[in-house]
Protein backbone atom coordinates (compact mmCIF):
# COMPACT_ATOMS: atom_id res chain seq x y z
CA MET A 1 31.23 -12.53 9.82
CA ASP A 2 34.80 -11.84 8.83
CA VAL A 3 33.62 -8.73 6.42
CA ILE A 4 37.03 -7.31 6.16
CA LYS A 5 38.68 -10.56 4.61
CA GLU A 6 35.50 -10.90 2.26
CA PHE A 7 35.70 -7.57 1.27
CA ARG A 8 39.33 -7.76 0.54
CA ASP A 9 38.59 -10.97 -1.62
CA SER A 10 36.35 -9.04 -3.74
CA LEU A 11 38.80 -6.58 -4.66
CA LYS A 12 41.23 -8.96 -6.35
CA GLY A 13 42.40 -7.38 -9.56
CA ARG A 14 42.36 -3.78 -8.66
CA LYS A 15 45.78 -1.84 -7.98
CA PRO A 16 47.42 -2.69 -4.97
CA SER A 17 47.29 0.96 -3.90
CA THR A 18 43.83 1.02 -4.70
CA ILE A 19 43.32 -2.02 -2.24
CA ARG A 20 44.95 -0.38 0.50
CA VAL A 21 42.98 2.76 0.72
CA TYR A 22 39.64 1.10 0.33
CA LEU A 23 40.43 -1.46 2.84
CA ALA A 24 41.77 1.13 5.37
CA ALA A 25 38.38 2.98 4.70
CA ALA A 26 36.69 -0.13 5.70
CA GLU A 27 38.62 -0.81 8.76
CA ARG A 28 37.94 2.88 9.89
CA ALA A 29 34.17 2.30 9.28
CA VAL A 30 33.94 -0.55 11.59
CA LYS A 31 36.52 -0.26 13.96
CA MET A 32 34.09 1.11 16.73
CA VAL A 33 31.72 -1.73 16.16
CA ASN A 34 32.21 -5.31 17.82
CA LEU A 35 31.41 -7.12 14.64
CA SER A 36 30.83 -10.44 16.59
CA GLN A 37 27.55 -8.96 18.04
CA LEU A 38 26.30 -8.19 14.21
CA GLY A 39 24.53 -11.20 12.74
CA SER A 40 24.31 -9.93 8.99
CA TYR A 41 25.37 -7.64 6.59
CA THR A 42 21.97 -5.35 6.91
CA GLU A 43 22.82 -4.49 10.53
CA LEU A 44 26.51 -3.61 9.70
CA LEU A 45 25.04 -1.52 6.95
CA VAL A 46 22.59 0.10 9.17
CA TRP A 47 25.20 0.91 11.70
CA ILE A 48 27.61 2.50 9.32
CA HIS A 49 24.49 4.59 8.04
CA GLN A 50 23.93 5.68 11.82
CA ASN A 51 27.59 6.34 12.33
CA PRO A 52 28.90 7.86 9.03
CA PRO A 53 32.94 8.02 9.02
CA GLU A 54 34.53 11.12 8.55
CA ILE A 55 34.38 13.37 5.18
CA GLY A 56 36.42 12.40 2.72
CA ALA A 57 36.72 8.63 3.79
CA ARG A 58 36.94 6.53 0.68
CA VAL A 59 33.92 4.22 2.12
CA THR A 60 31.54 4.31 -0.64
CA PRO A 61 33.13 0.84 -2.46
CA PHE A 62 32.83 -0.93 1.01
CA VAL A 63 29.09 0.41 1.44
CA LYS A 64 28.42 -1.04 -2.11
CA PHE A 65 29.81 -4.14 -1.19
CA LEU A 66 27.50 -4.32 1.83
CA HIS A 67 24.47 -3.37 -0.43
CA GLU A 68 25.74 -6.26 -2.99
CA ARG A 69 26.03 -8.60 0.12
CA VAL A 70 22.32 -7.94 1.37
CA THR A 71 20.83 -7.98 -2.14
CA ALA A 72 22.40 -11.46 -2.95
CA ASN A 73 21.48 -12.97 0.53
CA ARG A 74 17.76 -11.64 0.23
CA SER A 75 17.39 -13.09 -3.51
CA ALA A 76 18.54 -16.49 -2.07
CA ALA A 77 16.57 -16.52 1.00
CA ALA A 78 13.59 -15.48 -1.76
CA GLU A 79 14.49 -18.42 -3.95
CA GLU A 80 14.76 -20.86 -1.06
CA ALA A 81 11.25 -19.65 0.33
CA LYS A 82 10.08 -20.31 -2.86
CA HIS A 83 11.51 -23.75 -3.12
CA ILE A 84 10.12 -24.51 0.06
CA ARG A 85 6.41 -23.40 -0.59
CA GLU A 86 6.32 -25.27 -4.14
CA SER A 87 7.79 -28.73 -2.73
CA ILE A 88 5.42 -28.73 0.47
CA VAL A 89 2.48 -28.13 -2.14
CA GLN A 90 3.47 -30.69 -4.25
CA LEU A 91 4.46 -33.15 -1.59
CA MET A 92 0.88 -32.63 0.30
CA GLY A 93 -0.93 -32.99 -3.42
CA ASP A 94 1.15 -36.50 -3.53
CA SER A 95 0.36 -37.37 -0.47
CA LEU A 96 -3.33 -36.82 -0.76
CA ARG A 97 -3.56 -38.93 -3.90
CA THR A 98 -1.73 -41.64 -3.03
CA GLN A 99 -3.03 -42.50 0.30
CA LYS A 100 -5.59 -44.99 0.45
CA ASN A 101 -7.39 -45.48 4.03
CA PRO A 102 -5.43 -42.88 5.69
CA THR A 103 -5.31 -43.50 9.47
CA LEU A 104 -6.80 -40.42 11.73
CA ALA A 105 -3.43 -39.50 12.50
CA SER A 106 -2.37 -38.98 9.11
CA LYS A 107 -4.98 -36.92 8.17
CA ARG A 108 -4.41 -34.58 11.50
CA ASP A 109 -0.73 -34.37 10.23
CA LEU A 110 -1.54 -33.38 6.63
CA ALA A 111 -4.32 -30.75 8.32
CA LEU A 112 -1.79 -29.64 10.52
CA ILE A 113 0.69 -28.61 7.78
CA ALA A 114 -2.09 -27.45 5.77
CA SER A 115 -3.04 -24.77 8.70
CA LEU A 116 0.73 -23.69 9.41
CA CYS A 117 0.96 -23.10 5.88
CA SER A 118 -2.46 -21.70 4.75
CA THR A 119 -2.27 -19.00 7.77
CA PRO A 120 1.59 -18.72 8.89
CA GLY A 121 0.67 -15.38 11.11
CA ARG A 122 -1.58 -17.12 13.39
CA GLY A 123 1.07 -18.97 15.15
CA ASN A 124 1.03 -22.83 16.15
CA PRO A 125 -1.96 -24.59 15.26
CA ARG A 126 -2.17 -26.85 18.20
CA ASP A 127 -3.52 -24.08 20.36
CA TRP A 128 -6.37 -22.91 17.50
CA PRO A 129 -10.19 -23.18 18.57
CA ARG A 130 -12.46 -25.73 16.77
CA ASP A 131 -14.62 -22.90 15.28
CA CYS A 132 -11.47 -21.41 13.30
CA LEU A 133 -12.17 -23.86 10.72
CA ARG A 134 -15.30 -24.11 8.95
CA LEU A 135 -17.02 -24.79 5.30
CA GLU A 136 -19.03 -21.96 3.65
CA ALA A 137 -20.74 -22.46 0.13
CA GLY A 138 -18.22 -25.25 -0.54
CA HIS A 139 -15.35 -23.36 0.16
CA VAL A 140 -12.88 -23.99 3.18
CA ILE A 141 -12.64 -21.12 5.50
CA LEU A 142 -9.76 -20.87 8.20
CA TRP A 143 -9.54 -17.88 10.33
CA GLU A 144 -12.11 -16.10 8.18
CA GLN A 145 -9.78 -16.59 5.06
CA ARG A 146 -10.89 -18.69 2.15
CA ILE A 147 -8.15 -21.34 1.12
CA GLY A 148 -7.31 -21.14 -2.29
CA GLU A 149 -4.28 -23.75 -2.57
CA PRO A 150 -6.35 -27.06 -3.29
CA ALA A 151 -3.97 -29.49 -1.40
CA PHE A 152 -4.51 -27.33 1.62
CA ALA A 153 -8.18 -27.00 1.40
CA LEU A 154 -8.58 -30.73 0.94
CA ALA A 155 -6.57 -31.55 3.58
CA LEU A 156 -8.16 -29.18 5.84
CA ARG A 157 -11.79 -30.43 4.43
CA PHE A 158 -10.91 -33.84 5.17
CA TRP A 159 -10.04 -32.81 8.97
CA HIS A 160 -13.07 -30.99 9.33
CA ALA A 161 -15.11 -34.12 8.02
CA TRP A 162 -13.50 -36.10 10.48
CA ARG A 163 -13.89 -34.01 13.21
CA GLU A 164 -17.80 -33.13 12.49
CA ARG A 165 -18.18 -37.22 11.86
CA LEU A 166 -16.46 -38.14 15.25
CA ALA A 167 -18.89 -35.91 17.04
CA ARG A 168 -21.54 -38.04 16.67
CA PRO A 169 -21.67 -40.55 19.39
CA ASP A 170 -22.40 -43.51 17.04
CA GLN A 171 -19.03 -42.67 15.06
CA ARG A 172 -17.35 -41.93 18.40
CA ARG A 173 -18.09 -45.64 19.23
CA LEU A 174 -17.12 -47.09 16.19
CA TYR A 175 -13.82 -45.50 15.91
CA ARG A 176 -13.05 -45.63 19.68
CA LYS A 177 -12.38 -42.20 20.40
CA ALA A 178 -12.91 -40.80 23.69
CA SER A 179 -15.67 -37.93 24.17
CA GLN A 180 -13.02 -35.78 25.86
CA TRP A 181 -11.35 -35.88 22.07
CA SER A 182 -14.63 -35.58 19.92
CA GLN A 183 -16.30 -32.67 22.21
CA ALA A 184 -12.90 -30.79 22.72
CA ASN A 185 -12.74 -27.26 21.74
CA LEU A 186 -9.48 -27.31 20.24
CA LEU A 187 -9.23 -27.88 16.25
CA PHE A 188 -6.35 -30.49 16.93
CA PRO A 189 -6.97 -32.00 20.21
CA GLY A 190 -4.60 -34.44 21.72
CA PRO A 191 -5.75 -38.00 23.10
CA GLY A 192 -7.48 -36.80 26.04
CA GLY A 193 -9.12 -33.69 24.41
CA GLY A 194 -6.04 -31.73 25.74
CA ARG A 195 -3.44 -29.74 23.46
CA LEU A 196 -1.02 -31.81 21.47
CA SER A 197 2.67 -32.38 22.50
CA ARG A 198 4.72 -29.66 21.49
CA ALA A 199 6.62 -32.08 18.87
CA ALA A 200 3.32 -32.71 17.26
CA LEU A 201 4.47 -30.41 14.25
CA ASN A 202 7.74 -31.55 14.28
CA ASN A 203 6.78 -34.98 14.03
CA ALA A 204 4.30 -34.41 11.32
CA LEU A 205 7.10 -32.95 9.18
CA ARG A 206 9.43 -35.30 9.54
CA ARG A 207 6.66 -38.18 8.37
CA PHE A 208 5.58 -36.30 5.35
CA LEU A 209 8.15 -33.63 4.41
CA GLY A 210 11.36 -34.70 5.71
CA GLY A 211 12.70 -35.00 2.13
CA VAL A 212 11.97 -31.49 1.22
CA GLY A 213 15.06 -29.12 0.67
CA GLU A 214 17.61 -31.65 -0.28
CA GLY A 215 17.26 -33.82 2.77
CA THR A 216 17.63 -30.72 5.30
CA PRO A 217 15.03 -31.21 7.99
CA LEU A 218 12.40 -28.44 7.85
CA THR A 219 11.08 -27.25 11.24
CA PRO A 220 7.99 -25.22 11.75
CA GLN A 221 9.45 -22.00 12.14
CA LYS A 222 11.34 -22.41 8.72
CA ILE A 223 8.06 -23.22 7.01
CA ARG A 224 6.45 -20.65 8.50
CA ALA A 225 8.86 -17.68 7.32
CA ALA A 226 8.80 -19.05 3.90
CA PHE A 227 4.69 -19.06 3.66
CA LEU A 228 4.66 -15.51 5.35
CA ALA A 229 7.47 -14.25 2.77
CA GLY A 230 4.91 -15.54 0.09
CA ALA A 231 2.12 -13.67 1.56
CA ARG A 232 4.06 -10.61 1.69
CA ALA A 233 5.25 -10.94 -1.97
CA GLU A 234 1.65 -11.80 -3.07
CA SER A 235 0.47 -8.53 -1.57
CA ASP A 236 3.54 -6.78 -2.76
CA THR A 237 2.22 -7.67 -6.66
CA LEU A 238 -1.73 -6.62 -5.77
CA PRO A 239 -2.80 -3.65 -7.96
CA ALA A 240 -3.62 -0.54 -5.47
CA LEU A 241 -7.31 0.25 -4.89
């Protein structure tokens, strides 16, 4: 983060004497901090507020520059998160509409992704108990939360139906599933009834969502952050009770 160079570039067009004064003030403001240890404009801005320069220092233009960068970065991050959310919803809806006779693995992958997006604050779905998902009065309930997004609700409904069907001995034999799997207490059990592998979510994303974000691979962490941001934005717009 070469913030001094970026600040200098932002001053192009001003008088040379003004540039010198503003740069000198910025350099004095950061001379006591190791910039390599700060990962963002926000951290530097907080540090300056906690360690204000001497009275009379012309540091206001530099602080304003940092504020503008923080605002721009937040706006860009919000737009990226919105794009990720909208792309995943669209792609999941397309997958549900176009898949004919999907495999059990395909249903599981879609349900895994729907789980991650629907309740991102709950962590990794491969650790979730089976009873966290249920149907109630025609609604899909995950972790006591009604799933409103139709694509996510449908993917979870399909998975719930499969789990219920394969718990029956006749259906278990028909689909050649071991009793350890069908009777497992996990919502998404592995082949032997234990936890799925650590790569399960990444593999699901690669198969179904790899093209989202202009070809940039999406990780579970990035998707979780995008949907957490969406949940916060939605809560901020709710009227006060």
